[in-house]
Amino acid sequence: MHVSRYLFLILLALSLDCCSERRFDSKTEGEKLLRRDAEWADLATAGKDVEKVVSYWTEDAVLLLPGQPVYVTESFNTPGFKIHWVSQKPVFSPDGKFAYMQGTDELTLPGPNGGTTTLHLRGISVWRLDPDKQWRCVVDISNAAPPTPGS
């Protein structure tokens, strides 16, 4: 009789554990999001696979870049164009379904007289954890970084 009762309690505990939602682990999820963002930045810097780069945004993503129209394909095909960023310290919503990160960006564009100009930017990206468990960028905003002392 005691064995049946213990077996029942063990099975009940296991079934409740399997059905319960797991607690959100911000440290693990933050590392995962930073890796995904760095992978995205590397793909964008390489500028070769537009479809793969675009896949990191949601279908309804909003992109705001300083004085630049948002044309990913045309940008990658522009001689001298290059972009790279580094994000840091994800901050998550209490339910773990959204996050934002601050970052620094470098955007190189064709400049006057056939040369290039590099813009140093700061940015904020807002990410959403989609049903397929992939983080995708919903809002991507950059603006000019303040001048550094002595510049």
N, C-alpha and C. Protein backbone atom coordinates (compact mmCIF):
# COMPACT_ATOMS: atom_id res chain seq x y z
N MET A 1 0.82 -1.19 0.00
CA MET A 1 0.00 0.00 0.00
C MET A 1 0.86 1.26 0.00
N HIS A 2 1.92 1.26 0.82
CA HIS A 2 2.81 2.42 0.88
C HIS A 2 3.51 2.65 -0.45
N VAL A 3 3.90 1.58 -1.13
CA VAL A 3 4.60 1.70 -2.41
C VAL A 3 3.67 2.35 -3.43
N SER A 4 2.43 1.96 -3.44
CA SER A 4 1.46 2.53 -4.39
C SER A 4 1.28 4.02 -4.13
N ARG A 5 1.19 4.41 -2.86
CA ARG A 5 1.01 5.81 -2.51
C ARG A 5 2.23 6.63 -2.94
N TYR A 6 3.45 6.13 -2.68
CA TYR A 6 4.67 6.83 -3.06
C TYR A 6 4.79 6.92 -4.58
N LEU A 7 4.46 5.82 -5.24
CA LEU A 7 4.52 5.81 -6.70
C LEU A 7 3.53 6.84 -7.26
N PHE A 8 2.35 6.90 -6.70
CA PHE A 8 1.34 7.88 -7.13
C PHE A 8 1.86 9.31 -6.92
N LEU A 9 2.45 9.59 -5.76
CA LEU A 9 2.96 10.93 -5.48
C LEU A 9 4.11 11.30 -6.42
N ILE A 10 4.97 10.36 -6.71
CA ILE A 10 6.08 10.61 -7.62
C ILE A 10 5.55 10.90 -9.02
N LEU A 11 4.61 10.09 -9.49
CA LEU A 11 4.03 10.32 -10.81
C LEU A 11 3.28 11.65 -10.88
N LEU A 12 2.58 12.00 -9.81
CA LEU A 12 1.87 13.27 -9.76
C LEU A 12 2.85 14.44 -9.82
N ALA A 13 3.92 14.36 -9.05
CA ALA A 13 4.93 15.42 -9.05
C ALA A 13 5.58 15.56 -10.43
N LEU A 14 5.91 14.43 -11.06
CA LEU A 14 6.50 14.48 -12.40
C LEU A 14 5.54 15.07 -13.42
N SER A 15 4.28 14.69 -13.34
CA SER A 15 3.32 15.22 -14.32
C SER A 15 3.10 16.71 -14.10
N LEU A 16 3.06 17.16 -12.87
CA LEU A 16 2.91 18.59 -12.61
C LEU A 16 4.14 19.36 -13.08
N ASP A 17 5.31 18.79 -12.89
CA ASP A 17 6.54 19.44 -13.34
C ASP A 17 6.59 19.52 -14.85
N CYS A 18 6.17 18.47 -15.54
CA CYS A 18 6.18 18.47 -17.01
C CYS A 18 5.19 19.47 -17.58
N CYS A 19 4.09 19.68 -16.91
CA CYS A 19 3.05 20.58 -17.42
C CYS A 19 3.28 22.03 -17.02
N SER A 20 4.10 22.28 -16.05
CA SER A 20 4.29 23.65 -15.60
C SER A 20 5.24 24.39 -16.53
N GLU A 21 5.07 25.71 -16.60
CA GLU A 21 5.99 26.52 -17.41
C GLU A 21 7.33 26.63 -16.69
N ARG A 22 8.35 26.58 -17.48
CA ARG A 22 9.69 26.73 -16.91
C ARG A 22 9.93 28.20 -16.58
N ARG A 23 10.67 28.43 -15.53
CA ARG A 23 11.03 29.80 -15.16
C ARG A 23 11.96 30.36 -16.22
N PHE A 24 11.81 31.63 -16.47
CA PHE A 24 12.64 32.31 -17.46
C PHE A 24 14.03 32.51 -16.86
N ASP A 25 15.04 32.07 -17.57
CA ASP A 25 16.43 32.20 -17.14
C ASP A 25 17.07 33.33 -17.94
N SER A 26 17.10 34.53 -17.38
CA SER A 26 17.58 35.70 -18.12
C SER A 26 19.07 35.59 -18.47
N LYS A 27 19.85 34.93 -17.64
CA LYS A 27 21.27 34.79 -17.94
C LYS A 27 21.48 33.92 -19.18
N THR A 28 20.86 32.75 -19.20
CA THR A 28 21.00 31.85 -20.35
C THR A 28 20.40 32.47 -21.60
N GLU A 29 19.21 33.05 -21.46
CA GLU A 29 18.55 33.65 -22.63
C GLU A 29 19.32 34.88 -23.12
N GLY A 30 19.91 35.63 -22.19
CA GLY A 30 20.73 36.78 -22.58
C GLY A 30 21.94 36.36 -23.39
N GLU A 31 22.60 35.29 -22.98
CA GLU A 31 23.75 34.77 -23.73
C GLU A 31 23.31 34.31 -25.11
N LYS A 32 22.16 33.65 -25.18
CA LYS A 32 21.62 33.18 -26.46
C LYS A 32 21.32 34.36 -27.38
N LEU A 33 20.70 35.41 -26.83
CA LEU A 33 20.35 36.58 -27.63
C LEU A 33 21.59 37.32 -28.11
N LEU A 34 22.58 37.48 -27.25
CA LEU A 34 23.83 38.15 -27.65
C LEU A 34 24.55 37.36 -28.75
N ARG A 35 24.54 36.02 -28.66
CA ARG A 35 25.16 35.20 -29.71
C ARG A 35 24.41 35.38 -31.03
N ARG A 36 23.08 35.39 -30.96
CA ARG A 36 22.27 35.56 -32.18
C ARG A 36 22.53 36.93 -32.81
N ASP A 37 22.59 37.97 -31.97
CA ASP A 37 22.84 39.32 -32.46
C ASP A 37 24.23 39.43 -33.09
N ALA A 38 25.24 38.82 -32.47
CA ALA A 38 26.61 38.85 -33.00
C ALA A 38 26.68 38.09 -34.33
N GLU A 39 25.98 36.98 -34.41
CA GLU A 39 25.92 36.22 -35.67
C GLU A 39 25.30 37.09 -36.77
N TRP A 40 24.24 37.80 -36.43
CA TRP A 40 23.57 38.69 -37.37
C TRP A 40 24.51 39.81 -37.82
N ALA A 41 25.22 40.41 -36.86
CA ALA A 41 26.16 41.48 -37.19
C ALA A 41 27.24 40.98 -38.14
N ASP A 42 27.75 39.78 -37.90
CA ASP A 42 28.79 39.22 -38.78
C ASP A 42 28.25 38.99 -40.20
N LEU A 43 27.01 38.49 -40.29
CA LEU A 43 26.40 38.29 -41.62
C LEU A 43 26.22 39.63 -42.34
N ALA A 44 25.77 40.64 -41.59
CA ALA A 44 25.57 41.96 -42.19
C ALA A 44 26.89 42.56 -42.63
N THR A 45 27.93 42.39 -41.83
CA THR A 45 29.25 42.91 -42.18
C THR A 45 29.77 42.25 -43.47
N ALA A 46 29.56 40.95 -43.58
CA ALA A 46 29.98 40.23 -44.79
C ALA A 46 29.21 40.74 -46.01
N GLY A 47 27.93 41.10 -45.80
CA GLY A 47 27.12 41.69 -46.86
C GLY A 47 26.88 40.82 -48.07
N LYS A 48 26.82 39.51 -47.88
CA LYS A 48 26.68 38.62 -49.03
C LYS A 48 25.32 37.94 -49.12
N ASP A 49 24.68 37.69 -48.00
CA ASP A 49 23.43 36.93 -48.01
C ASP A 49 22.29 37.80 -47.47
N VAL A 50 21.69 38.57 -48.37
CA VAL A 50 20.64 39.51 -47.98
C VAL A 50 19.48 38.79 -47.33
N GLU A 51 19.06 37.67 -47.90
CA GLU A 51 17.91 36.93 -47.36
C GLU A 51 18.16 36.48 -45.93
N LYS A 52 19.36 36.02 -45.66
CA LYS A 52 19.71 35.57 -44.30
C LYS A 52 19.71 36.77 -43.34
N VAL A 53 20.28 37.90 -43.77
CA VAL A 53 20.31 39.09 -42.92
C VAL A 53 18.89 39.55 -42.60
N VAL A 54 18.05 39.61 -43.60
CA VAL A 54 16.67 40.07 -43.43
C VAL A 54 15.88 39.12 -42.52
N SER A 55 16.24 37.86 -42.49
CA SER A 55 15.51 36.87 -41.68
C SER A 55 15.62 37.13 -40.18
N TYR A 56 16.53 38.00 -39.75
CA TYR A 56 16.68 38.32 -38.34
C TYR A 56 15.67 39.37 -37.88
N TRP A 57 14.99 40.02 -38.83
CA TRP A 57 13.93 40.97 -38.50
C TRP A 57 12.60 40.26 -38.59
N THR A 58 11.62 40.76 -37.85
CA THR A 58 10.26 40.26 -37.99
C THR A 58 9.67 40.82 -39.29
N GLU A 59 8.56 40.25 -39.71
CA GLU A 59 7.89 40.73 -40.93
C GLU A 59 7.46 42.19 -40.79
N ASP A 60 7.14 42.61 -39.58
CA ASP A 60 6.63 43.96 -39.34
C ASP A 60 7.66 44.87 -38.67
N ALA A 61 8.92 44.55 -38.82
CA ALA A 61 9.99 45.30 -38.16
C ALA A 61 10.01 46.76 -38.60
N VAL A 62 10.44 47.62 -37.67
CA VAL A 62 10.62 49.04 -37.93
C VAL A 62 12.10 49.34 -37.83
N LEU A 63 12.67 49.94 -38.89
CA LEU A 63 14.09 50.30 -38.92
C LEU A 63 14.21 51.79 -39.09
N LEU A 64 14.99 52.42 -38.21
CA LEU A 64 15.22 53.86 -38.29
C LEU A 64 16.71 54.10 -38.23
N LEU A 65 17.27 54.51 -39.36
CA LEU A 65 18.69 54.80 -39.45
C LEU A 65 18.88 56.29 -39.72
N PRO A 66 19.96 56.88 -39.26
CA PRO A 66 20.14 58.32 -39.41
C PRO A 66 20.30 58.76 -40.87
N GLY A 67 19.30 59.46 -41.37
CA GLY A 67 19.38 60.03 -42.70
C GLY A 67 19.49 59.02 -43.83
N GLN A 68 19.17 57.76 -43.57
CA GLN A 68 19.33 56.73 -44.58
C GLN A 68 18.00 56.03 -44.84
N PRO A 69 17.67 55.83 -46.13
CA PRO A 69 16.51 54.99 -46.41
C PRO A 69 16.88 53.55 -46.08
N VAL A 70 15.89 52.72 -45.84
CA VAL A 70 16.15 51.33 -45.49
C VAL A 70 15.99 50.47 -46.74
N TYR A 71 17.08 50.24 -47.41
CA TYR A 71 17.12 49.37 -48.58
C TYR A 71 18.29 48.43 -48.39
N VAL A 72 18.03 47.27 -47.82
CA VAL A 72 19.11 46.35 -47.47
C VAL A 72 19.84 45.87 -48.72
N THR A 73 19.11 45.42 -49.74
CA THR A 73 19.77 44.90 -50.94
C THR A 73 20.61 45.97 -51.61
N GLU A 74 20.04 47.17 -51.78
CA GLU A 74 20.78 48.24 -52.42
C GLU A 74 22.01 48.64 -51.61
N SER A 75 21.86 48.65 -50.29
CA SER A 75 22.99 49.00 -49.43
C SER A 75 24.15 48.03 -49.63
N PHE A 76 23.85 46.74 -49.62
CA PHE A 76 24.90 45.74 -49.78
C PHE A 76 25.57 45.82 -51.15
N ASN A 77 24.83 46.32 -52.14
CA ASN A 77 25.39 46.44 -53.49
C ASN A 77 26.09 47.77 -53.72
N THR A 78 26.10 48.65 -52.74
CA THR A 78 26.74 49.96 -52.87
C THR A 78 28.24 49.83 -52.58
N PRO A 79 29.08 50.20 -53.52
CA PRO A 79 30.54 50.13 -53.27
C PRO A 79 30.91 50.97 -52.04
N GLY A 80 31.67 50.38 -51.16
CA GLY A 80 32.12 51.09 -49.96
C GLY A 80 31.19 50.93 -48.76
N PHE A 81 29.98 50.37 -48.96
CA PHE A 81 29.06 50.20 -47.85
C PHE A 81 29.52 49.07 -46.95
N LYS A 82 29.47 49.33 -45.64
CA LYS A 82 29.78 48.30 -44.65
C LYS A 82 29.10 48.70 -43.35
N ILE A 83 28.58 47.71 -42.65
CA ILE A 83 27.95 47.96 -41.36
C ILE A 83 28.39 46.88 -40.38
N HIS A 84 28.59 47.29 -39.15
CA HIS A 84 28.87 46.34 -38.08
C HIS A 84 28.43 46.96 -36.76
N TRP A 85 27.98 46.13 -35.86
CA TRP A 85 27.55 46.61 -34.56
C TRP A 85 27.89 45.59 -33.48
N VAL A 86 27.90 46.07 -32.26
CA VAL A 86 28.09 45.23 -31.09
C VAL A 86 27.04 45.65 -30.07
N SER A 87 26.24 44.70 -29.64
CA SER A 87 25.19 44.97 -28.65
C SER A 87 25.64 44.44 -27.29
N GLN A 88 24.97 44.93 -26.26
CA GLN A 88 25.35 44.51 -24.91
C GLN A 88 24.15 44.51 -23.98
N LYS A 89 24.28 43.78 -22.92
CA LYS A 89 23.37 43.76 -21.77
C LYS A 89 21.88 43.74 -22.13
N PRO A 90 21.38 42.60 -22.60
CA PRO A 90 19.95 42.52 -22.87
C PRO A 90 19.13 42.75 -21.60
N VAL A 91 18.03 43.46 -21.76
CA VAL A 91 17.07 43.69 -20.67
C VAL A 91 15.77 43.06 -21.14
N PHE A 92 15.23 42.15 -20.32
CA PHE A 92 14.06 41.36 -20.72
C PHE A 92 12.78 41.84 -20.06
N SER A 93 11.67 41.64 -20.77
CA SER A 93 10.36 41.85 -20.17
C SER A 93 10.16 40.78 -19.10
N PRO A 94 9.28 41.00 -18.14
CA PRO A 94 9.10 40.02 -17.07
C PRO A 94 8.75 38.62 -17.57
N ASP A 95 8.02 38.53 -18.68
CA ASP A 95 7.64 37.21 -19.20
C ASP A 95 8.71 36.59 -20.10
N GLY A 96 9.79 37.35 -20.39
CA GLY A 96 10.88 36.82 -21.21
C GLY A 96 10.58 36.75 -22.69
N LYS A 97 9.54 37.43 -23.15
CA LYS A 97 9.18 37.36 -24.57
C LYS A 97 9.69 38.54 -25.38
N PHE A 98 10.15 39.58 -24.70
CA PHE A 98 10.73 40.75 -25.38
C PHE A 98 12.01 41.14 -24.67
N ALA A 99 12.90 41.79 -25.41
CA ALA A 99 14.14 42.28 -24.83
C ALA A 99 14.58 43.50 -25.63
N TYR A 100 15.38 44.33 -24.98
CA TYR A 100 16.04 45.41 -25.72
C TYR A 100 17.50 45.41 -25.35
N MET A 101 18.31 45.92 -26.30
CA MET A 101 19.75 46.00 -26.09
C MET A 101 20.26 47.32 -26.66
N GLN A 102 21.21 47.90 -25.97
CA GLN A 102 21.93 49.05 -26.49
C GLN A 102 23.14 48.53 -27.25
N GLY A 103 23.60 49.33 -28.18
CA GLY A 103 24.77 48.90 -28.93
C GLY A 103 25.49 50.06 -29.57
N THR A 104 26.65 49.75 -30.11
CA THR A 104 27.42 50.72 -30.89
C THR A 104 27.52 50.18 -32.30
N ASP A 105 27.42 51.10 -33.27
CA ASP A 105 27.42 50.72 -34.68
C ASP A 105 28.49 51.52 -35.42
N GLU A 106 29.02 50.92 -36.47
CA GLU A 106 29.84 51.63 -37.44
C GLU A 106 29.22 51.41 -38.80
N LEU A 107 28.92 52.50 -39.48
CA LEU A 107 28.30 52.46 -40.78
C LEU A 107 29.20 53.21 -41.76
N THR A 108 29.75 52.50 -42.74
CA THR A 108 30.61 53.11 -43.74
C THR A 108 29.82 53.25 -45.03
N LEU A 109 29.85 54.46 -45.59
CA LEU A 109 29.08 54.79 -46.78
C LEU A 109 29.97 55.50 -47.79
N PRO A 110 29.53 55.50 -49.05
CA PRO A 110 30.28 56.30 -50.02
C PRO A 110 30.29 57.76 -49.58
N GLY A 111 31.44 58.37 -49.68
CA GLY A 111 31.58 59.76 -49.27
C GLY A 111 31.89 60.66 -50.46
N PRO A 112 32.23 61.88 -50.17
CA PRO A 112 32.55 62.82 -51.25
C PRO A 112 33.86 62.43 -51.95
N ASN A 113 33.97 62.81 -53.18
CA ASN A 113 35.19 62.61 -53.98
C ASN A 113 35.58 61.15 -54.14
N GLY A 114 34.60 60.25 -54.14
CA GLY A 114 34.88 58.84 -54.38
C GLY A 114 35.38 58.07 -53.18
N GLY A 115 35.57 58.72 -52.06
CA GLY A 115 36.03 58.03 -50.86
C GLY A 115 34.85 57.49 -50.05
N THR A 116 35.12 57.13 -48.82
CA THR A 116 34.06 56.67 -47.92
C THR A 116 34.08 57.50 -46.66
N THR A 117 32.98 57.46 -45.97
CA THR A 117 32.88 58.11 -44.67
C THR A 117 32.30 57.10 -43.69
N THR A 118 32.81 57.08 -42.49
CA THR A 118 32.33 56.14 -41.48
C THR A 118 31.60 56.91 -40.39
N LEU A 119 30.37 56.49 -40.14
CA LEU A 119 29.57 57.07 -39.07
C LEU A 119 29.66 56.18 -37.84
N HIS A 120 29.88 56.80 -36.70
CA HIS A 120 29.88 56.08 -35.43
C HIS A 120 28.52 56.35 -34.78
N LEU A 121 27.79 55.28 -34.58
CA LEU A 121 26.41 55.38 -34.13
C LEU A 121 26.21 54.66 -32.81
N ARG A 122 25.12 54.99 -32.19
CA ARG A 122 24.65 54.22 -31.04
C ARG A 122 23.25 53.75 -31.40
N GLY A 123 22.87 52.64 -30.87
CA GLY A 123 21.58 52.09 -31.28
C GLY A 123 20.86 51.38 -30.15
N ILE A 124 19.61 51.14 -30.43
CA ILE A 124 18.74 50.34 -29.56
C ILE A 124 18.02 49.36 -30.46
N SER A 125 18.00 48.12 -30.07
CA SER A 125 17.21 47.12 -30.80
C SER A 125 16.24 46.47 -29.83
N VAL A 126 15.04 46.24 -30.31
CA VAL A 126 14.01 45.56 -29.53
C VAL A 126 13.78 44.21 -30.21
N TRP A 127 13.80 43.17 -29.41
CA TRP A 127 13.70 41.80 -29.92
C TRP A 127 12.47 41.12 -29.34
N ARG A 128 11.94 40.17 -30.13
CA ARG A 128 10.78 39.37 -29.70
C ARG A 128 11.13 37.90 -29.86
N LEU A 129 10.74 37.11 -28.88
CA LEU A 129 10.91 35.67 -28.96
C LEU A 129 9.69 35.11 -29.68
N ASP A 130 9.89 34.66 -30.91
CA ASP A 130 8.78 34.16 -31.72
C ASP A 130 8.39 32.74 -31.32
N PRO A 131 7.23 32.28 -31.78
CA PRO A 131 6.76 30.93 -31.41
C PRO A 131 7.74 29.81 -31.77
N ASP A 132 8.59 30.04 -32.78
CA ASP A 132 9.58 29.02 -33.15
C ASP A 132 10.82 29.07 -32.24
N LYS A 133 10.74 29.89 -31.17
CA LYS A 133 11.81 30.04 -30.17
C LYS A 133 13.04 30.75 -30.71
N GLN A 134 12.90 31.47 -31.81
CA GLN A 134 13.99 32.28 -32.35
C GLN A 134 13.75 33.74 -31.98
N TRP A 135 14.80 34.41 -31.58
CA TRP A 135 14.73 35.84 -31.32
C TRP A 135 14.81 36.57 -32.66
N ARG A 136 13.90 37.53 -32.87
CA ARG A 136 13.92 38.35 -34.07
C ARG A 136 13.77 39.81 -33.68
N CYS A 137 14.43 40.66 -34.42
CA CYS A 137 14.42 42.10 -34.14
C CYS A 137 13.12 42.72 -34.65
N VAL A 138 12.45 43.46 -33.76
CA VAL A 138 11.18 44.11 -34.07
C VAL A 138 11.40 45.59 -34.37
N VAL A 139 12.31 46.22 -33.63
CA VAL A 139 12.63 47.64 -33.82
C VAL A 139 14.14 47.79 -33.78
N ASP A 140 14.68 48.52 -34.76
CA ASP A 140 16.11 48.71 -34.88
C ASP A 140 16.35 50.20 -35.14
N ILE A 141 16.90 50.90 -34.16
CA ILE A 141 17.06 52.34 -34.26
C ILE A 141 18.53 52.70 -34.02
N SER A 142 19.06 53.57 -34.86
CA SER A 142 20.42 54.10 -34.67
C SER A 142 20.41 55.59 -34.86
N ASN A 143 21.29 56.26 -34.14
CA ASN A 143 21.51 57.69 -34.37
C ASN A 143 22.98 58.00 -34.09
N ALA A 144 23.37 59.19 -34.44
CA ALA A 144 24.77 59.59 -34.30
C ALA A 144 25.19 59.56 -32.83
N ALA A 145 26.34 58.99 -32.58
CA ALA A 145 26.90 59.00 -31.23
C ALA A 145 27.40 60.41 -30.93
N PRO A 146 27.38 60.80 -29.66
CA PRO A 146 27.92 62.12 -29.35
C PRO A 146 29.42 62.15 -29.63
N PRO A 147 29.94 63.32 -29.96
CA PRO A 147 31.38 63.39 -30.25
C PRO A 147 32.19 63.02 -29.01
N THR A 148 33.30 62.37 -29.28
CA THR A 148 34.18 62.03 -28.16
C THR A 148 34.99 63.27 -27.79
N PRO A 149 35.39 63.38 -26.53
CA PRO A 149 36.20 64.55 -26.13
C PRO A 149 37.46 64.67 -26.98
N GLY A 150 37.74 65.86 -27.43
CA GLY A 150 38.93 66.10 -28.21
C GLY A 150 38.74 65.92 -29.71
N SER A 151 37.50 65.57 -30.12
CA SER A 151 37.29 65.40 -31.57
C SER A 151 36.60 66.59 -32.19
